[in-house]
Amino acid sequence: GFVHMLSNVTALGFFSASLLARLRGNERAGKMLTIAGLSVGGLGA
């Protein structure tokens, strides 16, 4: 569960960065960060 938590915290960081990038108008970076978040979140899941 500890590694599950660390994976999800990392994924949360990617998703937060993705939202921030999108709000700044950088849609391409936002999409890539979402994919990174799902990849790490997949391990947590």
All heavy atoms as atom14 arrays in JSON, in Angstrom:
{
  "sequence": "GFVHMLSNVTALGFFSASLLARLRGNERAGKMLTIAGLSVGGLGA",
  "atom14_mask": [
    [1, 1, 1, 1, 0, 0, 0, 0, 0, 0, 0, 0, 0, 0],
    [1, 1, 1, 1, 1, 1, 1, 1, 1, 1, 1, 0, 0, 0],
    [1, 1, 1, 1, 1, 1, 1, 0, 0, 0, 0, 0, 0, 0],
    [1, 1, 1, 1, 1, 1, 1, 1, 1, 1, 0, 0, 0, 0],
    [1, 1, 1, 1, 1, 1, 1, 1, 0, 0, 0, 0, 0, 0],
    [1, 1, 1, 1, 1, 1, 1, 1, 0, 0, 0, 0, 0, 0],
    [1, 1, 1, 1, 1, 1, 0, 0, 0, 0, 0, 0, 0, 0],
    [1, 1, 1, 1, 1, 1, 1, 1, 0, 0, 0, 0, 0, 0],
    [1, 1, 1, 1, 1, 1, 1, 0, 0, 0, 0, 0, 0, 0],
    [1, 1, 1, 1, 1, 1, 1, 0, 0, 0, 0, 0, 0, 0],
    [1, 1, 1, 1, 1, 0, 0, 0, 0, 0, 0, 0, 0, 0],
    [1, 1, 1, 1, 1, 1, 1, 1, 0, 0, 0, 0, 0, 0],
    [1, 1, 1, 1, 0, 0, 0, 0, 0, 0, 0, 0, 0, 0],
    [1, 1, 1, 1, 1, 1, 1, 1, 1, 1, 1, 0, 0, 0],
    [1, 1, 1, 1, 1, 1, 1, 1, 1, 1, 1, 0, 0, 0],
    [1, 1, 1, 1, 1, 1, 0, 0, 0, 0, 0, 0, 0, 0],
    [1, 1, 1, 1, 1, 0, 0, 0, 0, 0, 0, 0, 0, 0],
    [1, 1, 1, 1, 1, 1, 0, 0, 0, 0, 0, 0, 0, 0],
    [1, 1, 1, 1, 1, 1, 1, 1, 0, 0, 0, 0, 0, 0],
    [1, 1, 1, 1, 1, 1, 1, 1, 0, 0, 0, 0, 0, 0],
    [1, 1, 1, 1, 1, 0, 0, 0, 0, 0, 0, 0, 0, 0],
    [1, 1, 1, 1, 1, 1, 1, 1, 1, 1, 1, 0, 0, 0],
    [1, 1, 1, 1, 1, 1, 1, 1, 0, 0, 0, 0, 0, 0],
    [1, 1, 1, 1, 1, 1, 1, 1, 1, 1, 1, 0, 0, 0],
    [1, 1, 1, 1, 0, 0, 0, 0, 0, 0, 0, 0, 0, 0],
    [1, 1, 1, 1, 1, 1, 1, 1, 0, 0, 0, 0, 0, 0],
    [1, 1, 1, 1, 1, 1, 1, 1, 1, 0, 0, 0, 0, 0],
    [1, 1, 1, 1, 1, 1, 1, 1, 1, 1, 1, 0, 0, 0],
    [1, 1, 1, 1, 1, 0, 0, 0, 0, 0, 0, 0, 0, 0],
    [1, 1, 1, 1, 0, 0, 0, 0, 0, 0, 0, 0, 0, 0],
    [1, 1, 1, 1, 1, 1, 1, 1, 1, 0, 0, 0, 0, 0],
    [1, 1, 1, 1, 1, 1, 1, 1, 0, 0, 0, 0, 0, 0],
    [1, 1, 1, 1, 1, 1, 1, 1, 0, 0, 0, 0, 0, 0],
    [1, 1, 1, 1, 1, 1, 1, 0, 0, 0, 0, 0, 0, 0],
    [1, 1, 1, 1, 1, 1, 1, 1, 0, 0, 0, 0, 0, 0],
    [1, 1, 1, 1, 1, 0, 0, 0, 0, 0, 0, 0, 0, 0],
    [1, 1, 1, 1, 0, 0, 0, 0, 0, 0, 0, 0, 0, 0],
    [1, 1, 1, 1, 1, 1, 1, 1, 0, 0, 0, 0, 0, 0],
    [1, 1, 1, 1, 1, 1, 0, 0, 0, 0, 0, 0, 0, 0],
    [1, 1, 1, 1, 1, 1, 1, 0, 0, 0, 0, 0, 0, 0],
    [1, 1, 1, 1, 0, 0, 0, 0, 0, 0, 0, 0, 0, 0],
    [1, 1, 1, 1, 0, 0, 0, 0, 0, 0, 0, 0, 0, 0],
    [1, 1, 1, 1, 1, 1, 1, 1, 0, 0, 0, 0, 0, 0],
    [1, 1, 1, 1, 0, 0, 0, 0, 0, 0, 0, 0, 0, 0],
    [1, 1, 1, 1, 1, 0, 0, 0, 0, 0, 0, 0, 0, 0]
  ],
  "atom14_positions": [
    [[0.8, -1.21, 0.0], [0.0, 0.0, 0.0], [0.84, 1.26, 0.0], [0.43, 2.3, -0.55], [0.0, 0.0, 0.0], [0.0, 0.0, 0.0], [0.0, 0.0, 0.0], [0.0, 0.0, 0.0], [0.0, 0.0, 0.0], [0.0, 0.0, 0.0], [0.0, 0.0, 0.0], [0.0, 0.0, 0.0], [0.0, 0.0, 0.0], [0.0, 0.0, 0.0]],
    [[2.02, 1.21, 0.6], [2.9, 2.38, 0.64], [3.37, 2.74, -0.77], [3.37, 3.92, -1.17], [4.1, 2.1, 1.54], [4.95, 3.29, 1.84], [4.5, 4.31, 2.65], [6.24, 3.4, 1.32], [5.29, 5.41, 2.92], [7.04, 4.49, 1.59], [6.57, 5.5, 2.41], [0.0, 0.0, 0.0], [0.0, 0.0, 0.0], [0.0, 0.0, 0.0]],
    [[3.76, 1.75, -1.55], [4.19, 2.0, -2.94], [2.98, 2.4, -3.79], [3.08, 3.25, -4.69], [4.9, 0.77, -3.52], [5.34, 1.02, -4.96], [6.11, 0.41, -2.66], [0.0, 0.0, 0.0], [0.0, 0.0, 0.0], [0.0, 0.0, 0.0], [0.0, 0.0, 0.0], [0.0, 0.0, 0.0], [0.0, 0.0, 0.0], [0.0, 0.0, 0.0]],
    [[1.83, 1.8, -3.51], [0.57, 2.21, -4.15], [0.34, 3.7, -3.92], [0.0, 4.45, -4.85], [-0.57, 1.38, -3.56], [-1.94, 1.89, -3.86], [-2.55, 1.78, -5.1], [-2.85, 2.5, -3.05], [-3.76, 2.31, -5.05], [-3.97, 2.76, -3.81], [0.0, 0.0, 0.0], [0.0, 0.0, 0.0], [0.0, 0.0, 0.0], [0.0, 0.0, 0.0]],
    [[0.55, 4.16, -2.7], [0.38, 5.58, -2.37], [1.39, 6.45, -3.09], [1.04, 7.49, -3.67], [0.51, 5.78, -0.86], [0.42, 7.23, -0.41], [0.93, 7.46, 1.3], [2.69, 7.08, 1.19], [0.0, 0.0, 0.0], [0.0, 0.0, 0.0], [0.0, 0.0, 0.0], [0.0, 0.0, 0.0], [0.0, 0.0, 0.0], [0.0, 0.0, 0.0]],
    [[2.67, 6.05, -3.1], [3.7, 6.84, -3.77], [3.41, 6.96, -5.27], [3.6, 8.03, -5.87], [5.07, 6.2, -3.55], [5.6, 6.21, -2.11], [6.96, 5.5, -2.05], [5.72, 7.63, -1.58], [0.0, 0.0, 0.0], [0.0, 0.0, 0.0], [0.0, 0.0, 0.0], [0.0, 0.0, 0.0], [0.0, 0.0, 0.0], [0.0, 0.0, 0.0]],
    [[2.94, 5.87, -5.87], [2.6, 5.91, -7.29], [1.47, 6.9, -7.55], [1.51, 7.69, -8.5], [2.19, 4.51, -7.77], [3.23, 3.58, -7.59], [0.0, 0.0, 0.0], [0.0, 0.0, 0.0], [0.0, 0.0, 0.0], [0.0, 0.0, 0.0], [0.0, 0.0, 0.0], [0.0, 0.0, 0.0], [0.0, 0.0, 0.0], [0.0, 0.0, 0.0]],
    [[0.47, 6.87, -6.68], [-0.68, 7.76, -6.88], [-0.32, 9.22, -6.63], [-0.85, 10.12, -7.31], [-1.83, 7.33, -5.96], [-2.46, 6.02, -6.42], [-2.37, 5.66, -7.59], [-3.09, 5.31, -5.5], [0.0, 0.0, 0.0], [0.0, 0.0, 0.0], [0.0, 0.0, 0.0], [0.0, 0.0, 0.0], [0.0, 0.0, 0.0], [0.0, 0.0, 0.0]],
    [[0.56, 9.46, -5.66], [1.01, 10.84, -5.43], [1.77, 11.36, -6.64], [1.59, 12.52, -7.07], [1.88, 10.91, -4.15], [2.58, 12.27, -4.05], [1.03, 10.68, -2.91], [0.0, 0.0, 0.0], [0.0, 0.0, 0.0], [0.0, 0.0, 0.0], [0.0, 0.0, 0.0], [0.0, 0.0, 0.0], [0.0, 0.0, 0.0], [0.0, 0.0, 0.0]],
    [[2.62, 10.52, -7.23], [3.35, 10.91, -8.43], [2.39, 11.18, -9.58], [2.53, 12.18, -10.31], [4.35, 9.81, -8.83], [5.23, 9.54, -7.73], [5.16, 10.23, -10.04], [0.0, 0.0, 0.0], [0.0, 0.0, 0.0], [0.0, 0.0, 0.0], [0.0, 0.0, 0.0], [0.0, 0.0, 0.0], [0.0, 0.0, 0.0], [0.0, 0.0, 0.0]],
    [[1.4, 10.28, -9.75], [0.41, 10.49, -10.81], [-0.37, 11.78, -10.58], [-0.65, 12.53, -11.53], [-0.55, 9.3, -10.85], [0.0, 0.0, 0.0], [0.0, 0.0, 0.0], [0.0, 0.0, 0.0], [0.0, 0.0, 0.0], [0.0, 0.0, 0.0], [0.0, 0.0, 0.0], [0.0, 0.0, 0.0], [0.0, 0.0, 0.0], [0.0, 0.0, 0.0]],
    [[-0.69, 12.08, -9.34], [-1.41, 13.3, -9.01], [-0.59, 14.54, -9.39], [-1.13, 15.54, -9.87], [-1.73, 13.32, -7.52], [-2.69, 14.41, -7.03], [-4.06, 14.22, -7.67], [-2.81, 14.36, -5.51], [0.0, 0.0, 0.0], [0.0, 0.0, 0.0], [0.0, 0.0, 0.0], [0.0, 0.0, 0.0], [0.0, 0.0, 0.0], [0.0, 0.0, 0.0]],
    [[0.73, 14.44, -9.21], [1.6, 15.54, -9.62], [1.54, 15.76, -11.13], [1.49, 16.91, -11.6], [0.0, 0.0, 0.0], [0.0, 0.0, 0.0], [0.0, 0.0, 0.0], [0.0, 0.0, 0.0], [0.0, 0.0, 0.0], [0.0, 0.0, 0.0], [0.0, 0.0, 0.0], [0.0, 0.0, 0.0], [0.0, 0.0, 0.0], [0.0, 0.0, 0.0]],
    [[1.55, 14.67, -11.9], [1.46, 14.8, -13.36], [0.12, 15.41, -13.78], [0.07, 16.27, -14.66], [1.63, 13.42, -14.02], [3.06, 12.97, -14.13], [3.48, 11.77, -13.56], [3.99, 13.73, -14.82], [4.8, 11.35, -13.66], [5.32, 13.32, -14.94], [5.72, 12.13, -14.34], [0.0, 0.0, 0.0], [0.0, 0.0, 0.0], [0.0, 0.0, 0.0]],
    [[-0.98, 14.95, -13.15], [-2.29, 15.48, -13.53], [-2.42, 16.96, -13.15], [-3.02, 17.74, -13.89], [-3.4, 14.67, -12.85], [-3.52, 13.26, -13.37], [-3.53, 12.18, -12.5], [-3.63, 13.02, -14.73], [-3.65, 10.88, -12.97], [-3.74, 11.73, -15.22], [-3.75, 10.65, -14.34], [0.0, 0.0, 0.0], [0.0, 0.0, 0.0], [0.0, 0.0, 0.0]],
    [[-1.85, 17.34, -12.01], [-1.88, 18.75, -11.61], [-1.09, 19.6, -12.61], [-1.53, 20.69, -13.01], [-1.3, 18.92, -10.2], [-2.04, 18.19, -9.25], [0.0, 0.0, 0.0], [0.0, 0.0, 0.0], [0.0, 0.0, 0.0], [0.0, 0.0, 0.0], [0.0, 0.0, 0.0], [0.0, 0.0, 0.0], [0.0, 0.0, 0.0], [0.0, 0.0, 0.0]],
    [[0.08, 19.1, -12.99], [0.89, 19.82, -13.98], [0.18, 19.89, -15.32], [0.29, 20.89, -16.05], [2.25, 19.13, -14.13], [0.0, 0.0, 0.0], [0.0, 0.0, 0.0], [0.0, 0.0, 0.0], [0.0, 0.0, 0.0], [0.0, 0.0, 0.0], [0.0, 0.0, 0.0], [0.0, 0.0, 0.0], [0.0, 0.0, 0.0], [0.0, 0.0, 0.0]],
    [[-0.55, 18.83, -15.67], [-1.3, 18.82, -16.92], [-2.37, 19.9, -16.93], [-2.52, 20.64, -17.92], [-1.95, 17.45, -17.13], [-2.81, 17.46, -18.25], [0.0, 0.0, 0.0], [0.0, 0.0, 0.0], [0.0, 0.0, 0.0], [0.0, 0.0, 0.0], [0.0, 0.0, 0.0], [0.0, 0.0, 0.0], [0.0, 0.0, 0.0], [0.0, 0.0, 0.0]],
    [[-3.1, 20.02, -15.82], [-4.13, 21.06, -15.75], [-3.52, 22.45, -15.83], [-4.04, 23.34, -16.53], [-4.93, 20.9, -14.46], [-6.06, 21.91, -14.25], [-7.09, 21.81, -15.38], [-6.73, 21.71, -12.89], [0.0, 0.0, 0.0], [0.0, 0.0, 0.0], [0.0, 0.0, 0.0], [0.0, 0.0, 0.0], [0.0, 0.0, 0.0], [0.0, 0.0, 0.0]],
    [[-2.41, 22.63, -15.15], [-1.74, 23.94, -15.16], [-1.27, 24.28, -16.58], [-1.43, 25.43, -17.04], [-0.56, 23.92, -14.2], [0.2, 25.24, -14.03], [-0.73, 26.32, -13.48], [1.39, 25.04, -13.08], [0.0, 0.0, 0.0], [0.0, 0.0, 0.0], [0.0, 0.0, 0.0], [0.0, 0.0, 0.0], [0.0, 0.0, 0.0], [0.0, 0.0, 0.0]],
    [[-0.7, 23.3, -17.28], [-0.24, 23.54, -18.64], [-1.42, 23.9, -19.56], [-1.31, 24.81, -20.41], [0.48, 22.31, -19.18], [0.0, 0.0, 0.0], [0.0, 0.0, 0.0], [0.0, 0.0, 0.0], [0.0, 0.0, 0.0], [0.0, 0.0, 0.0], [0.0, 0.0, 0.0], [0.0, 0.0, 0.0], [0.0, 0.0, 0.0], [0.0, 0.0, 0.0]],
    [[-2.54, 23.23, -19.4], [-3.72, 23.51, -20.23], [-4.25, 24.91, -19.96], [-4.66, 25.63, -20.88], [-4.8, 22.47, -19.96], [-4.45, 21.05, -20.43], [-5.41, 20.04, -19.81], [-4.95, 18.67, -19.98], [-5.39, 17.83, -20.92], [-6.29, 18.24, -21.79], [-4.93, 16.6, -21.0], [0.0, 0.0, 0.0], [0.0, 0.0, 0.0], [0.0, 0.0, 0.0]],
    [[-4.27, 25.31, -18.68], [-4.76, 26.64, -18.33], [-3.86, 27.73, -18.9], [-4.32, 28.85, -19.14], [-4.88, 26.77, -16.81], [-5.96, 25.91, -16.15], [-5.9, 26.04, -14.63], [-7.35, 26.29, -16.66], [0.0, 0.0, 0.0], [0.0, 0.0, 0.0], [0.0, 0.0, 0.0], [0.0, 0.0, 0.0], [0.0, 0.0, 0.0], [0.0, 0.0, 0.0]],
    [[-2.6, 27.4, -19.11], [-1.65, 28.36, -19.69], [-1.66, 28.32, -21.22], [-0.88, 29.01, -21.86], [-0.25, 28.08, -19.18], [-0.07, 28.43, -17.69], [1.31, 28.05, -17.21], [1.54, 28.53, -15.84], [2.63, 28.25, -15.12], [3.6, 27.5, -15.66], [2.76, 28.72, -13.9], [0.0, 0.0, 0.0], [0.0, 0.0, 0.0], [0.0, 0.0, 0.0]],
    [[-2.53, 27.48, -21.78], [-2.66, 27.41, -23.22], [-1.78, 26.4, -23.9], [-1.79, 26.3, -25.14], [0.0, 0.0, 0.0], [0.0, 0.0, 0.0], [0.0, 0.0, 0.0], [0.0, 0.0, 0.0], [0.0, 0.0, 0.0], [0.0, 0.0, 0.0], [0.0, 0.0, 0.0], [0.0, 0.0, 0.0], [0.0, 0.0, 0.0], [0.0, 0.0, 0.0]],
    [[-1.03, 25.6, -23.15], [-0.14, 24.6, -23.75], [-0.84, 23.25, -23.73], [-0.6, 22.4, -22.87], [1.18, 24.54, -22.97], [2.26, 23.8, -23.74], [1.96, 23.03, -24.67], [3.5, 24.03, -23.36], [0.0, 0.0, 0.0], [0.0, 0.0, 0.0], [0.0, 0.0, 0.0], [0.0, 0.0, 0.0], [0.0, 0.0, 0.0], [0.0, 0.0, 0.0]],
    [[-1.75, 23.06, -24.7], [-2.56, 21.84, -24.73], [-1.72, 20.6, -25.0], [-1.97, 19.53, -24.44], [-3.65, 21.96, -25.8], [-4.73, 22.98, -25.49], [-5.61, 22.53, -24.33], [-5.75, 21.32, -24.12], [-6.17, 23.4, -23.63], [0.0, 0.0, 0.0], [0.0, 0.0, 0.0], [0.0, 0.0, 0.0], [0.0, 0.0, 0.0], [0.0, 0.0, 0.0]],
    [[-0.72, 20.72, -25.85], [0.09, 19.55, -26.2], [0.83, 19.02, -24.97], [0.82, 17.82, -24.7], [1.09, 19.9, -27.3], [1.88, 18.71, -27.8], [2.74, 19.09, -29.01], [3.42, 17.92, -29.54], [4.58, 17.44, -29.06], [5.17, 18.06, -28.02], [5.13, 16.37, -29.59], [0.0, 0.0, 0.0], [0.0, 0.0, 0.0], [0.0, 0.0, 0.0]],
    [[1.45, 19.91, -24.2], [2.13, 19.48, -22.97], [1.14, 18.9, -21.98], [1.44, 17.91, -21.29], [2.89, 20.65, -22.35], [0.0, 0.0, 0.0], [0.0, 0.0, 0.0], [0.0, 0.0, 0.0], [0.0, 0.0, 0.0], [0.0, 0.0, 0.0], [0.0, 0.0, 0.0], [0.0, 0.0, 0.0], [0.0, 0.0, 0.0], [0.0, 0.0, 0.0]],
    [[-0.05, 19.5, -21.91], [-1.07, 18.99, -20.99], [-1.48, 17.57, -21.33], [-1.65, 16.73, -20.44], [0.0, 0.0, 0.0], [0.0, 0.0, 0.0], [0.0, 0.0, 0.0], [0.0, 0.0, 0.0], [0.0, 0.0, 0.0], [0.0, 0.0, 0.0], [0.0, 0.0, 0.0], [0.0, 0.0, 0.0], [0.0, 0.0, 0.0], [0.0, 0.0, 0.0]],
    [[-1.63, 17.29, -22.63], [-2.0, 15.94, -23.04], [-0.89, 14.93, -22.71], [-1.17, 13.82, -22.24], [-2.29, 15.93, -24.54], [-3.54, 16.7, -24.92], [-3.75, 16.7, -26.43], [-5.0, 17.48, -26.82], [-5.23, 17.49, -28.29], [0.0, 0.0, 0.0], [0.0, 0.0, 0.0], [0.0, 0.0, 0.0], [0.0, 0.0, 0.0], [0.0, 0.0, 0.0]],
    [[0.36, 15.31, -22.94], [1.47, 14.41, -22.65], [1.57, 14.14, -21.14], [1.85, 13.02, -20.72], [2.78, 15.01, -23.16], [2.83, 15.19, -24.68], [2.59, 13.62, -25.57], [4.08, 12.74, -25.08], [0.0, 0.0, 0.0], [0.0, 0.0, 0.0], [0.0, 0.0, 0.0], [0.0, 0.0, 0.0], [0.0, 0.0, 0.0], [0.0, 0.0, 0.0]],
    [[1.35, 15.15, -20.33], [1.41, 14.97, -18.88], [0.26, 14.09, -18.4], [0.42, 13.33, -17.44], [1.37, 16.34, -18.19], [2.65, 17.16, -18.29], [2.4, 18.61, -17.88], [3.74, 16.54, -17.4], [0.0, 0.0, 0.0], [0.0, 0.0, 0.0], [0.0, 0.0, 0.0], [0.0, 0.0, 0.0], [0.0, 0.0, 0.0], [0.0, 0.0, 0.0]],
    [[-0.89, 14.16, -19.04], [-2.0, 13.27, -18.67], [-1.64, 11.82, -18.97], [-1.93, 10.92, -18.16], [-3.27, 13.67, -19.45], [-3.7, 14.96, -19.01], [-4.39, 12.67, -19.2], [0.0, 0.0, 0.0], [0.0, 0.0, 0.0], [0.0, 0.0, 0.0], [0.0, 0.0, 0.0], [0.0, 0.0, 0.0], [0.0, 0.0, 0.0], [0.0, 0.0, 0.0]],
    [[-1.01, 11.58, -20.11], [-0.59, 10.21, -20.44], [0.43, 9.72, -19.42], [0.37, 8.56, -18.97], [0.0, 10.17, -21.87], [-1.09, 10.47, -22.89], [0.64, 8.82, -22.14], [-0.58, 10.6, -24.31], [0.0, 0.0, 0.0], [0.0, 0.0, 0.0], [0.0, 0.0, 0.0], [0.0, 0.0, 0.0], [0.0, 0.0, 0.0], [0.0, 0.0, 0.0]],
    [[1.36, 10.59, -19.02], [2.35, 10.2, -18.0], [1.65, 9.87, -16.68], [2.0, 8.9, -16.0], [3.36, 11.32, -17.8], [0.0, 0.0, 0.0], [0.0, 0.0, 0.0], [0.0, 0.0, 0.0], [0.0, 0.0, 0.0], [0.0, 0.0, 0.0], [0.0, 0.0, 0.0], [0.0, 0.0, 0.0], [0.0, 0.0, 0.0], [0.0, 0.0, 0.0]],
    [[0.67, 10.69, -16.31], [-0.06, 10.43, -15.08], [-0.8, 9.11, -15.11], [-0.8, 8.36, -14.13], [0.0, 0.0, 0.0], [0.0, 0.0, 0.0], [0.0, 0.0, 0.0], [0.0, 0.0, 0.0], [0.0, 0.0, 0.0], [0.0, 0.0, 0.0], [0.0, 0.0, 0.0], [0.0, 0.0, 0.0], [0.0, 0.0, 0.0], [0.0, 0.0, 0.0]],
    [[-1.42, 8.79, -16.24], [-2.13, 7.51, -16.36], [-1.17, 6.33, -16.33], [-1.49, 5.26, -15.8], [-2.96, 7.49, -17.64], [-4.25, 8.31, -17.63], [-4.88, 8.31, -19.01], [-5.22, 7.76, -16.59], [0.0, 0.0, 0.0], [0.0, 0.0, 0.0], [0.0, 0.0, 0.0], [0.0, 0.0, 0.0], [0.0, 0.0, 0.0], [0.0, 0.0, 0.0]],
    [[0.02, 6.51, -16.89], [1.01, 5.43, -16.88], [1.44, 5.1, -15.46], [1.47, 3.93, -15.05], [2.22, 5.83, -17.73], [1.85, 6.07, -19.06], [0.0, 0.0, 0.0], [0.0, 0.0, 0.0], [0.0, 0.0, 0.0], [0.0, 0.0, 0.0], [0.0, 0.0, 0.0], [0.0, 0.0, 0.0], [0.0, 0.0, 0.0], [0.0, 0.0, 0.0]],
    [[1.77, 6.13, -14.68], [2.16, 5.9, -13.29], [0.96, 5.47, -12.46], [1.06, 4.58, -11.61], [2.8, 7.18, -12.7], [3.19, 6.95, -11.25], [4.0, 7.6, -13.51], [0.0, 0.0, 0.0], [0.0, 0.0, 0.0], [0.0, 0.0, 0.0], [0.0, 0.0, 0.0], [0.0, 0.0, 0.0], [0.0, 0.0, 0.0], [0.0, 0.0, 0.0]],
    [[-0.2, 6.09, -12.73], [-1.41, 5.7, -12.01], [-1.81, 4.27, -12.27], [-2.44, 3.63, -11.42], [0.0, 0.0, 0.0], [0.0, 0.0, 0.0], [0.0, 0.0, 0.0], [0.0, 0.0, 0.0], [0.0, 0.0, 0.0], [0.0, 0.0, 0.0], [0.0, 0.0, 0.0], [0.0, 0.0, 0.0], [0.0, 0.0, 0.0], [0.0, 0.0, 0.0]],
    [[-1.46, 3.75, -13.46], [-1.76, 2.36, -13.76], [-1.04, 1.41, -12.82], [-1.6, 0.39, -12.4], [0.0, 0.0, 0.0], [0.0, 0.0, 0.0], [0.0, 0.0, 0.0], [0.0, 0.0, 0.0], [0.0, 0.0, 0.0], [0.0, 0.0, 0.0], [0.0, 0.0, 0.0], [0.0, 0.0, 0.0], [0.0, 0.0, 0.0], [0.0, 0.0, 0.0]],
    [[0.22, 1.75, -12.49], [0.96, 0.94, -11.51], [0.27, 1.0, -10.16], [0.09, -0.02, -9.49], [2.39, 1.44, -11.39], [3.23, 0.82, -10.26], [3.38, -0.68, -10.46], [4.59, 1.5, -10.16], [0.0, 0.0, 0.0], [0.0, 0.0, 0.0], [0.0, 0.0, 0.0], [0.0, 0.0, 0.0], [0.0, 0.0, 0.0], [0.0, 0.0, 0.0]],
    [[-0.14, 2.21, -9.75], [-0.84, 2.34, -8.48], [-2.13, 1.57, -8.47], [-2.48, 0.93, -7.47], [0.0, 0.0, 0.0], [0.0, 0.0, 0.0], [0.0, 0.0, 0.0], [0.0, 0.0, 0.0], [0.0, 0.0, 0.0], [0.0, 0.0, 0.0], [0.0, 0.0, 0.0], [0.0, 0.0, 0.0], [0.0, 0.0, 0.0], [0.0, 0.0, 0.0]],
    [[-2.87, 1.6, -9.6], [-4.12, 0.86, -9.68], [-3.88, -0.65, -9.59], [-4.65, -1.38, -8.94], [-4.85, 1.2, -10.97], [0.0, 0.0, 0.0], [0.0, 0.0, 0.0], [0.0, 0.0, 0.0], [0.0, 0.0, 0.0], [0.0, 0.0, 0.0], [0.0, 0.0, 0.0], [0.0, 0.0, 0.0], [0.0, 0.0, 0.0], [0.0, 0.0, 0.0]]
  ]
}
